[in-house]
PDB file of all heavy atoms in Angstrom:
ATOM      1  N   VAL A   1       0.877  -1.200  -0.005  1.00  0.00           N
ATOM      2  CA  VAL A   1      -0.009   0.004  -0.003  1.00  0.00           C
ATOM      3  C   VAL A   1       0.856   1.222   0.034  1.00  0.00           C
ATOM      4  O   VAL A   1       1.712   1.369   0.885  1.00  0.00           O
ATOM      5  CB  VAL A   1      -0.920   0.045   1.244  1.00  0.00           C
ATOM      6  CG1 VAL A   1      -1.792   1.308   1.176  1.00  0.00           C
ATOM      7  CG2 VAL A   1      -1.793  -1.208   1.302  1.00  0.00           C
ATOM      8  N   VAL A   2       0.685   2.081  -0.959  1.00  0.00           N
ATOM      9  CA  VAL A   2       1.334   3.412  -1.023  1.00  0.00           C
ATOM     10  C   VAL A   2       0.350   4.448  -0.492  1.00  0.00           C
ATOM     11  O   VAL A   2      -0.775   4.548  -1.084  1.00  0.00           O
ATOM     12  CB  VAL A   2       1.820   3.766  -2.420  1.00  0.00           C
ATOM     13  CG1 VAL A   2       2.112   5.227  -2.579  1.00  0.00           C
ATOM     14  CG2 VAL A   2       3.019   2.891  -2.829  1.00  0.00           C
ATOM     15  N   VAL A   3       0.728   5.192   0.546  1.00  0.00           N
ATOM     16  CA  VAL A   3      -0.184   6.187   1.148  1.00  0.00           C
ATOM     17  C   VAL A   3       0.369   7.604   0.837  1.00  0.00           C
ATOM     18  O   VAL A   3       1.509   7.954   1.350  1.00  0.00           O
ATOM     19  CB  VAL A   3      -0.304   5.987   2.654  1.00  0.00           C
ATOM     20  CG1 VAL A   3      -1.169   7.059   3.252  1.00  0.00           C
ATOM     21  CG2 VAL A   3      -0.912   4.612   2.953  1.00  0.00           C
ATOM     22  N   GLY A   4      -0.344   8.313   0.058  1.00  0.00           N
ATOM     23  CA  GLY A   4       0.041   9.723  -0.287  1.00  0.00           C
ATOM     24  C   GLY A   4      -0.610  10.801   0.560  1.00  0.00           C
ATOM     25  O   GLY A   4      -0.233  11.952   0.491  1.00  0.00           O
ATOM     26  N   THR A   5      -1.678  10.429   1.321  1.00  0.00           N
ATOM     27  CA  THR A   5      -2.392  11.383   2.192  1.00  0.00           C
ATOM     28  C   THR A   5      -1.472  11.784   3.346  1.00  0.00           C
ATOM     29  O   THR A   5      -0.818  10.914   3.914  1.00  0.00           O
ATOM     30  CB  THR A   5      -3.675  10.739   2.700  1.00  0.00           C
ATOM     31  OG1 THR A   5      -4.404  10.185   1.635  1.00  0.00           O
ATOM     32  CG2 THR A   5      -4.494  11.781   3.449  1.00  0.00           C
ATOM     33  N   THR A   6      -1.461  13.066   3.596  1.00  0.00           N
ATOM     34  CA  THR A   6      -0.633  13.530   4.753  1.00  0.00           C
ATOM     35  C   THR A   6      -1.531  13.855   5.928  1.00  0.00           C
ATOM     36  O   THR A   6      -2.722  13.649   5.861  1.00  0.00           O
ATOM     37  CB  THR A   6       0.181  14.818   4.354  1.00  0.00           C
ATOM     38  OG1 THR A   6      -0.799  15.825   3.892  1.00  0.00           O
ATOM     39  CG2 THR A   6       1.089  14.487   3.171  1.00  0.00           C
ATOM     40  N   GLY A   7      -0.944  14.322   7.020  1.00  0.00           N
ATOM     41  CA  GLY A   7      -1.723  14.725   8.171  1.00  0.00           C
ATOM     42  C   GLY A   7      -1.825  13.666   9.267  1.00  0.00           C
ATOM     43  O   GLY A   7      -2.610  13.806  10.213  1.00  0.00           O
ATOM     44  N   TRP A   8      -1.032  12.608   9.188  1.00  0.00           N
ATOM     45  CA  TRP A   8      -1.048  11.499  10.208  1.00  0.00           C
ATOM     46  C   TRP A   8       0.370  11.210  10.818  1.00  0.00           C
ATOM     47  O   TRP A   8       0.576  10.185  11.401  1.00  0.00           O
ATOM     48  CB  TRP A   8      -1.669  10.233   9.642  1.00  0.00           C
ATOM     49  CG  TRP A   8      -1.027   9.683   8.364  1.00  0.00           C
ATOM     50  CD1 TRP A   8      -1.181  10.228   7.114  1.00  0.00           C
ATOM     51  CD2 TRP A   8      -0.149   8.550   8.288  1.00  0.00           C
ATOM     52  NE1 TRP A   8      -0.389   9.487   6.229  1.00  0.00           N
ATOM     53  CE2 TRP A   8       0.163   8.442   6.890  1.00  0.00           C
ATOM     54  CE3 TRP A   8       0.291   7.650   9.180  1.00  0.00           C
ATOM     55  CZ2 TRP A   8       0.984   7.423   6.454  1.00  0.00           C
ATOM     56  CZ3 TRP A   8       1.139   6.634   8.686  1.00  0.00           C
ATOM     57  CH2 TRP A   8       1.477   6.557   7.355  1.00  0.00           C
ATOM     58  N   ASN A   9       1.237  12.225  10.744  1.00  0.00           N
ATOM     59  CA  ASN A   9       2.601  12.010  11.266  1.00  0.00           C
ATOM     60  C   ASN A   9       2.630  11.584  12.713  1.00  0.00           C
ATOM     61  O   ASN A   9       3.446  10.800  13.100  1.00  0.00           O
ATOM     62  CB  ASN A   9       3.398  13.366  11.085  1.00  0.00           C
ATOM     63  CG  ASN A   9       3.931  13.500   9.698  1.00  0.00           C
ATOM     64  OD1 ASN A   9       3.570  12.795   8.829  1.00  0.00           O
ATOM     65  ND2 ASN A   9       4.733  14.588   9.504  1.00  0.00           N
ATOM     66  N   SER A  10       1.673  12.127  13.510  1.00  0.00           N
ATOM     67  CA  SER A  10       1.765  11.793  14.920  1.00  0.00           C
ATOM     68  C   SER A  10       1.371  10.350  15.231  1.00  0.00           C
ATOM     69  O   SER A  10       1.506   9.885  16.354  1.00  0.00           O
ATOM     70  CB  SER A  10       0.760  12.742  15.691  1.00  0.00           C
ATOM     71  OG  SER A  10      -0.585  12.553  15.255  1.00  0.00           O
ATOM     72  N   ARG A  11       0.887   9.638  14.238  1.00  0.00           N
ATOM     73  CA  ARG A  11       0.421   8.254  14.482  1.00  0.00           C
ATOM     74  C   ARG A  11       1.290   7.207  13.725  1.00  0.00           C
ATOM     75  O   ARG A  11       0.837   6.049  13.541  1.00  0.00           O
ATOM     76  CB  ARG A  11      -1.120   8.119  14.066  1.00  0.00           C
ATOM     77  CG  ARG A  11      -1.905   9.133  14.777  1.00  0.00           C
ATOM     78  CD  ARG A  11      -3.370   9.030  14.498  1.00  0.00           C
ATOM     79  NE  ARG A  11      -3.962   7.822  15.057  1.00  0.00           N
ATOM     80  CZ  ARG A  11      -5.280   7.512  15.010  1.00  0.00           C
ATOM     81  NH1 ARG A  11      -6.116   8.341  14.423  1.00  0.00           N
ATOM     82  NH2 ARG A  11      -5.741   6.416  15.551  1.00  0.00           N
ATOM     83  N   MET A  12       2.469   7.605  13.359  1.00  0.00           N
ATOM     84  CA  MET A  12       3.369   6.709  12.616  1.00  0.00           C
ATOM     85  C   MET A  12       3.689   5.437  13.502  1.00  0.00           C
ATOM     86  O   MET A  12       3.695   4.318  12.944  1.00  0.00           O
ATOM     87  CB  MET A  12       4.679   7.425  12.301  1.00  0.00           C
ATOM     88  CG  MET A  12       4.572   8.426  11.255  1.00  0.00           C
ATOM     89  SD  MET A  12       4.270   7.828   9.614  1.00  0.00           S
ATOM     90  CE  MET A  12       4.173   9.352   8.668  1.00  0.00           C
ATOM     91  N   GLN A  13       3.916   5.626  14.793  1.00  0.00           N
ATOM     92  CA  GLN A  13       4.285   4.445  15.586  1.00  0.00           C
ATOM     93  C   GLN A  13       3.122   3.487  15.662  1.00  0.00           C
ATOM     94  O   GLN A  13       3.283   2.238  15.663  1.00  0.00           O
ATOM     95  CB  GLN A  13       4.735   4.883  16.978  1.00  0.00           C
ATOM     96  CG  GLN A  13       6.071   5.607  17.002  1.00  0.00           C
ATOM     97  CD  GLN A  13       6.526   5.944  18.398  1.00  0.00           C
ATOM     98  OE1 GLN A  13       5.732   5.965  19.346  1.00  0.00           O
ATOM     99  NE2 GLN A  13       7.792   6.174  18.596  1.00  0.00           N
ATOM    100  N   GLU A  14       1.917   4.062  15.743  1.00  0.00           N
ATOM    101  CA  GLU A  14       0.699   3.238  15.797  1.00  0.00           C
ATOM    102  C   GLU A  14       0.601   2.378  14.496  1.00  0.00           C
ATOM    103  O   GLU A  14       0.226   1.205  14.529  1.00  0.00           O
ATOM    104  CB  GLU A  14      -0.486   4.109  16.024  1.00  0.00           C
ATOM    105  CG  GLU A  14      -1.839   3.426  16.068  1.00  0.00           C
ATOM    106  CD  GLU A  14      -2.978   4.347  16.181  1.00  0.00           C
ATOM    107  OE1 GLU A  14      -2.754   5.554  16.538  1.00  0.00           O
ATOM    108  OE2 GLU A  14      -4.130   3.997  15.891  1.00  0.00           O
ATOM    109  N   VAL A  15       0.805   3.036  13.373  1.00  0.00           N
ATOM    110  CA  VAL A  15       0.717   2.351  12.099  1.00  0.00           C
ATOM    111  C   VAL A  15       1.777   1.304  11.936  1.00  0.00           C
ATOM    112  O   VAL A  15       1.516   0.187  11.443  1.00  0.00           O
ATOM    113  CB  VAL A  15       0.750   3.403  10.911  1.00  0.00           C
ATOM    114  CG1 VAL A  15       0.861   2.657   9.564  1.00  0.00           C
ATOM    115  CG2 VAL A  15      -0.456   4.290  10.923  1.00  0.00           C
ATOM    116  N   ALA A  16       3.014   1.592  12.422  1.00  0.00           N
ATOM    117  CA  ALA A  16       4.085   0.661  12.305  1.00  0.00           C
ATOM    118  C   ALA A  16       3.748  -0.585  13.150  1.00  0.00           C
ATOM    119  O   ALA A  16       4.005  -1.727  12.697  1.00  0.00           O
ATOM    120  CB  ALA A  16       5.384   1.261  12.746  1.00  0.00           C
ATOM    121  N   ALA A  17       3.143  -0.368  14.311  1.00  0.00           N
ATOM    122  CA  ALA A  17       2.749  -1.531  15.114  1.00  0.00           C
ATOM    123  C   ALA A  17       1.641  -2.323  14.464  1.00  0.00           C
ATOM    124  O   ALA A  17       1.636  -3.588  14.527  1.00  0.00           O
ATOM    125  CB  ALA A  17       2.279  -1.045  16.485  1.00  0.00           C
ATOM    126  N   LEU A  18       0.693  -1.652  13.827  1.00  0.00           N
ATOM    127  CA  LEU A  18      -0.401  -2.364  13.175  1.00  0.00           C
ATOM    128  C   LEU A  18       0.139  -3.152  11.944  1.00  0.00           C
ATOM    129  O   LEU A  18      -0.322  -4.245  11.660  1.00  0.00           O
ATOM    130  CB  LEU A  18      -1.430  -1.306  12.739  1.00  0.00           C
ATOM    131  CG  LEU A  18      -2.684  -1.907  12.055  1.00  0.00           C
ATOM    132  CD1 LEU A  18      -3.435  -2.832  13.008  1.00  0.00           C
ATOM    133  CD2 LEU A  18      -3.639  -0.801  11.573  1.00  0.00           C
ATOM    134  N   ALA A  19       1.123  -2.614  11.247  1.00  0.00           N
ATOM    135  CA  ALA A  19       1.696  -3.288  10.124  1.00  0.00           C
ATOM    136  C   ALA A  19       2.371  -4.558  10.571  1.00  0.00           C
ATOM    137  O   ALA A  19       2.235  -5.627   9.992  1.00  0.00           O
ATOM    138  CB  ALA A  19       2.683  -2.360   9.407  1.00  0.00           C
ATOM    139  N   ALA A  20       3.121  -4.480  11.684  1.00  0.00           N
ATOM    140  CA  ALA A  20       3.788  -5.646  12.221  1.00  0.00           C
ATOM    141  C   ALA A  20       2.810  -6.708  12.632  1.00  0.00           C
ATOM    142  O   ALA A  20       2.991  -7.887  12.521  1.00  0.00           O
ATOM    143  CB  ALA A  20       4.700  -5.259  13.401  1.00  0.00           C
ATOM    144  N   GLN A  21       1.712  -6.245  13.247  1.00  0.00           N
ATOM    145  CA  GLN A  21       0.632  -7.116  13.732  1.00  0.00           C
ATOM    146  C   GLN A  21      -0.071  -7.856  12.575  1.00  0.00           C
ATOM    147  O   GLN A  21      -0.361  -9.083  12.703  1.00  0.00           O
ATOM    148  CB  GLN A  21      -0.342  -6.378  14.607  1.00  0.00           C
ATOM    149  CG  GLN A  21      -1.499  -7.191  15.124  1.00  0.00           C
ATOM    150  CD  GLN A  21      -2.527  -6.344  15.804  1.00  0.00           C
ATOM    151  OE1 GLN A  21      -2.220  -5.226  16.278  1.00  0.00           O
ATOM    152  NE2 GLN A  21      -3.779  -6.760  15.905  1.00  0.00           N
ATOM    153  N   THR A  22      -0.358  -7.185  11.528  1.00  0.00           N
ATOM    154  CA  THR A  22      -1.214  -7.697  10.456  1.00  0.00           C
ATOM    155  C   THR A  22      -0.341  -8.276   9.234  1.00  0.00           C
ATOM    156  O   THR A  22      -0.875  -9.082   8.466  1.00  0.00           O
ATOM    157  CB  THR A  22      -2.105  -6.625   9.838  1.00  0.00           C
ATOM    158  OG1 THR A  22      -1.251  -5.589   9.310  1.00  0.00           O
ATOM    159  CG2 THR A  22      -3.031  -6.081  10.929  1.00  0.00           C
ATOM    160  N   GLY A  23       0.903  -7.940   9.245  1.00  0.00           N
ATOM    161  CA  GLY A  23       1.766  -8.380   8.095  1.00  0.00           C
ATOM    162  C   GLY A  23       1.592  -7.516   6.834  1.00  0.00           C
ATOM    163  O   GLY A  23       2.116  -7.840   5.806  1.00  0.00           O
ATOM    164  N   GLY A  24       0.874  -6.473   6.978  1.00  0.00           N
ATOM    165  CA  GLY A  24       0.658  -5.489   5.838  1.00  0.00           C
ATOM    166  C   GLY A  24       1.824  -4.614   5.706  1.00  0.00           C
ATOM    167  O   GLY A  24       2.649  -4.437   6.672  1.00  0.00           O
ATOM    168  N   THR A  25       2.004  -3.998   4.519  1.00  0.00           N
ATOM    169  CA  THR A  25       3.174  -3.177   4.236  1.00  0.00           C
ATOM    170  C   THR A  25       2.722  -1.810   3.630  1.00  0.00           C
ATOM    171  O   THR A  25       1.890  -1.807   2.697  1.00  0.00           O
ATOM    172  CB  THR A  25       4.052  -3.841   3.285  1.00  0.00           C
ATOM    173  OG1 THR A  25       4.388  -5.191   3.694  1.00  0.00           O
ATOM    174  CG2 THR A  25       5.402  -3.094   3.080  1.00  0.00           C
ATOM    175  N   ILE A  26       3.287  -0.782   4.217  1.00  0.00           N
ATOM    176  CA  ILE A  26       2.946   0.587   3.772  1.00  0.00           C
ATOM    177  C   ILE A  26       4.200   1.329   3.362  1.00  0.00           C
ATOM    178  O   ILE A  26       5.289   1.294   4.040  1.00  0.00           O
ATOM    179  CB  ILE A  26       2.211   1.368   4.851  1.00  0.00           C
ATOM    180  CG1 ILE A  26       0.708   0.995   4.891  1.00  0.00           C
ATOM    181  CG2 ILE A  26       2.283   2.864   4.596  1.00  0.00           C
ATOM    182  CD1 ILE A  26      -0.105   1.729   5.833  1.00  0.00           C
ATOM    183  N   MET A  27       4.064   2.003   2.270  1.00  0.00           N
ATOM    184  CA  MET A  27       5.109   2.968   1.795  1.00  0.00           C
ATOM    185  C   MET A  27       4.557   4.358   1.916  1.00  0.00           C
ATOM    186  O   MET A  27       3.443   4.585   1.350  1.00  0.00           O
ATOM    187  CB  MET A  27       5.483   2.620   0.379  1.00  0.00           C
ATOM    188  CG  MET A  27       6.221   3.734  -0.402  1.00  0.00           C
ATOM    189  SD  MET A  27       7.854   4.047   0.265  1.00  0.00           S
ATOM    190  CE  MET A  27       8.284   5.459  -0.655  1.00  0.00           C
ATOM    191  N   HIS A  28       5.094   5.240   2.691  1.00  0.00           N
ATOM    192  CA  HIS A  28       4.559   6.558   2.867  1.00  0.00           C
ATOM    193  C   HIS A  28       5.579   7.577   2.530  1.00  0.00           C
ATOM    194  O   HIS A  28       6.771   7.354   2.627  1.00  0.00           O
ATOM    195  CB  HIS A  28       4.030   6.752   4.264  1.00  0.00           C
ATOM    196  CG  HIS A  28       5.148   7.012   5.276  1.00  0.00           C
ATOM    197  ND1 HIS A  28       5.529   8.247   5.681  1.00  0.00           N
ATOM    198  CD2 HIS A  28       5.919   6.148   5.911  1.00  0.00           C
ATOM    199  CE1 HIS A  28       6.515   8.135   6.530  1.00  0.00           C
ATOM    200  NE2 HIS A  28       6.765   6.859   6.717  1.00  0.00           N
ATOM    201  N   SER A  29       5.100   8.772   2.189  1.00  0.00           N
ATOM    202  CA  SER A  29       5.997   9.945   1.967  1.00  0.00           C
ATOM    203  C   SER A  29       5.156  11.238   2.120  1.00  0.00           C
ATOM    204  O   SER A  29       3.967  11.197   1.730  1.00  0.00           O
ATOM    205  CB  SER A  29       6.661   9.907   0.602  1.00  0.00           C
ATOM    206  OG  SER A  29       7.477  10.974   0.365  1.00  0.00           O
ATOM    207  N   ALA A  30       5.784  12.247   2.634  1.00  0.00           N
ATOM    208  CA  ALA A  30       5.082  13.514   2.679  1.00  0.00           C
ATOM    209  C   ALA A  30       4.932  14.050   1.295  1.00  0.00           C
ATOM    210  O   ALA A  30       3.994  14.845   1.034  1.00  0.00           O
ATOM    211  CB  ALA A  30       5.902  14.532   3.508  1.00  0.00           C
ATOM    212  N   ASN A  31       5.758  13.589   0.348  1.00  0.00           N
ATOM    213  CA  ASN A  31       5.680  14.084  -0.999  1.00  0.00           C
ATOM    214  C   ASN A  31       6.407  13.051  -1.904  1.00  0.00           C
ATOM    215  O   ASN A  31       7.555  12.707  -1.730  1.00  0.00           O
ATOM    216  CB  ASN A  31       6.356  15.453  -1.160  1.00  0.00           C
ATOM    217  CG  ASN A  31       6.062  16.090  -2.492  1.00  0.00           C
ATOM    218  OD1 ASN A  31       6.139  15.489  -3.507  1.00  0.00           O
ATOM    219  ND2 ASN A  31       5.709  17.400  -2.393  1.00  0.00           N
ATOM    220  N   PHE A  32       5.679  12.525  -2.914  1.00  0.00           N
ATOM    221  CA  PHE A  32       6.203  11.468  -3.756  1.00  0.00           C
ATOM    222  C   PHE A  32       6.957  11.975  -4.971  1.00  0.00           C
ATOM    223  O   PHE A  32       7.518  11.203  -5.715  1.00  0.00           O
ATOM    224  CB  PHE A  32       5.101  10.548  -4.197  1.00  0.00           C
ATOM    225  CG  PHE A  32       4.733   9.509  -3.173  1.00  0.00           C
ATOM    226  CD1 PHE A  32       3.666   9.763  -2.298  1.00  0.00           C
ATOM    227  CD2 PHE A  32       5.430   8.345  -3.004  1.00  0.00           C
ATOM    228  CE1 PHE A  32       3.348   8.844  -1.379  1.00  0.00           C
ATOM    229  CE2 PHE A  32       5.091   7.446  -2.047  1.00  0.00           C
ATOM    230  CZ  PHE A  32       4.041   7.654  -1.214  1.00  0.00           C
ATOM    231  N   SER A  33       7.018  13.317  -5.137  1.00  0.00           N
ATOM    232  CA  SER A  33       7.731  13.886  -6.261  1.00  0.00           C
ATOM    233  C   SER A  33       9.219  13.554  -6.180  1.00  0.00           C
ATOM    234  O   SER A  33       9.868  13.661  -5.135  1.00  0.00           O
ATOM    235  CB  SER A  33       7.629  15.405  -6.224  1.00  0.00           C
ATOM    236  OG  SER A  33       8.612  16.034  -6.983  1.00  0.00           O
ATOM    237  N   ILE A  34       9.760  13.043  -7.256  1.00  0.00           N
ATOM    238  CA  ILE A  34      11.214  12.701  -7.293  1.00  0.00           C
ATOM    239  C   ILE A  34      12.031  13.973  -7.063  1.00  0.00           C
ATOM    240  O   ILE A  34      13.022  13.941  -6.326  1.00  0.00           O
ATOM    241  CB  ILE A  34      11.578  12.096  -8.683  1.00  0.00           C
ATOM    242  CG1 ILE A  34      10.740  10.826  -8.959  1.00  0.00           C
ATOM    243  CG2 ILE A  34      13.080  11.676  -8.688  1.00  0.00           C
ATOM    244  CD1 ILE A  34      10.840   9.760  -7.882  1.00  0.00           C
ATOM    245  N   GLY A  35      11.579  15.106  -7.642  1.00  0.00           N
ATOM    246  CA  GLY A  35      12.280  16.375  -7.432  1.00  0.00           C
ATOM    247  C   GLY A  35      12.277  16.806  -6.019  1.00  0.00           C
ATOM    248  O   GLY A  35      13.340  17.295  -5.509  1.00  0.00           O
ATOM    249  N   VAL A  36      11.204  16.636  -5.303  1.00  0.00           N
ATOM    250  CA  VAL A  36      11.159  16.970  -3.885  1.00  0.00           C
ATOM    251  C   VAL A  36      12.103  16.107  -3.067  1.00  0.00           C
ATOM    252  O   VAL A  36      12.762  16.590  -2.128  1.00  0.00           O
ATOM    253  CB  VAL A  36       9.707  16.858  -3.330  1.00  0.00           C
ATOM    254  CG1 VAL A  36       9.679  16.849  -1.811  1.00  0.00           C
ATOM    255  CG2 VAL A  36       8.870  18.100  -3.813  1.00  0.00           C
ATOM    256  N   ASN A  37      12.202  14.859  -3.339  1.00  0.00           N
ATOM    257  CA  ASN A  37      13.083  13.994  -2.631  1.00  0.00           C
ATOM    258  C   ASN A  37      14.539  14.343  -2.862  1.00  0.00           C
ATOM    259  O   ASN A  37      15.371  14.190  -2.024  1.00  0.00           O
ATOM    260  CB  ASN A  37      12.723  12.534  -2.982  1.00  0.00           C
ATOM    261  CG  ASN A  37      11.530  12.074  -2.189  1.00  0.00           C
ATOM    262  OD1 ASN A  37      11.634  11.636  -1.013  1.00  0.00           O
ATOM    263  ND2 ASN A  37      10.351  12.168  -2.764  1.00  0.00           N
ATOM    264  N   MET A  38      14.900  14.813  -4.052  1.00  0.00           N
ATOM    265  CA  MET A  38      16.203  15.389  -4.327  1.00  0.00           C
ATOM    266  C   MET A  38      16.448  16.606  -3.478  1.00  0.00           C
ATOM    267  O   MET A  38      17.526  16.884  -2.918  1.00  0.00           O
ATOM    268  CB  MET A  38      16.429  15.630  -5.792  1.00  0.00           C
ATOM    269  CG  MET A  38      16.566  14.364  -6.610  1.00  0.00           C
ATOM    270  SD  MET A  38      17.136  14.668  -8.288  1.00  0.00           S
ATOM    271  CE  MET A  38      15.660  15.316  -9.050  1.00  0.00           C
ATOM    272  N   PHE A  39      15.354  17.471  -3.420  1.00  0.00           N
ATOM    273  CA  PHE A  39      15.406  18.683  -2.625  1.00  0.00           C
ATOM    274  C   PHE A  39      15.679  18.410  -1.169  1.00  0.00           C
ATOM    275  O   PHE A  39      16.447  19.179  -0.567  1.00  0.00           O
ATOM    276  CB  PHE A  39      14.111  19.476  -2.811  1.00  0.00           C
ATOM    277  CG  PHE A  39      14.090  20.808  -2.181  1.00  0.00           C
ATOM    278  CD1 PHE A  39      14.811  21.840  -2.641  1.00  0.00           C
ATOM    279  CD2 PHE A  39      13.199  21.091  -1.105  1.00  0.00           C
ATOM    280  CE1 PHE A  39      14.792  23.099  -2.058  1.00  0.00           C
ATOM    281  CE2 PHE A  39      13.133  22.378  -0.551  1.00  0.00           C
ATOM    282  CZ  PHE A  39      13.940  23.359  -1.050  1.00  0.00           C
ATOM    283  N   TYR A  40      15.044  17.355  -0.625  1.00  0.00           N
ATOM    284  CA  TYR A  40      15.343  16.986   0.767  1.00  0.00           C
ATOM    285  C   TYR A  40      16.819  16.844   1.002  1.00  0.00           C
ATOM    286  O   TYR A  40      17.385  17.351   1.992  1.00  0.00           O
ATOM    287  CB  TYR A  40      14.697  15.664   1.109  1.00  0.00           C
ATOM    288  CG  TYR A  40      13.165  15.703   1.231  1.00  0.00           C
ATOM    289  CD1 TYR A  40      12.441  14.496   1.032  1.00  0.00           C
ATOM    290  CD2 TYR A  40      12.439  16.845   1.531  1.00  0.00           C
ATOM    291  CE1 TYR A  40      11.062  14.512   1.172  1.00  0.00           C
ATOM    292  CE2 TYR A  40      11.070  16.857   1.655  1.00  0.00           C
ATOM    293  CZ  TYR A  40      10.378  15.658   1.457  1.00  0.00           C
ATOM    294  OH  TYR A  40       9.019  15.649   1.583  1.00  0.00           O
TER     295      TYR A  40
END
């Protein structure tokens, strides 16, 4: 699952725990633009 929606930074640990529990996998980014990731 790729998640592009923002606004849930404060719940990252909760999501990581849920992923470990369910075996699901998430790829997240504040911005998926290749240019933005170079800017970082």
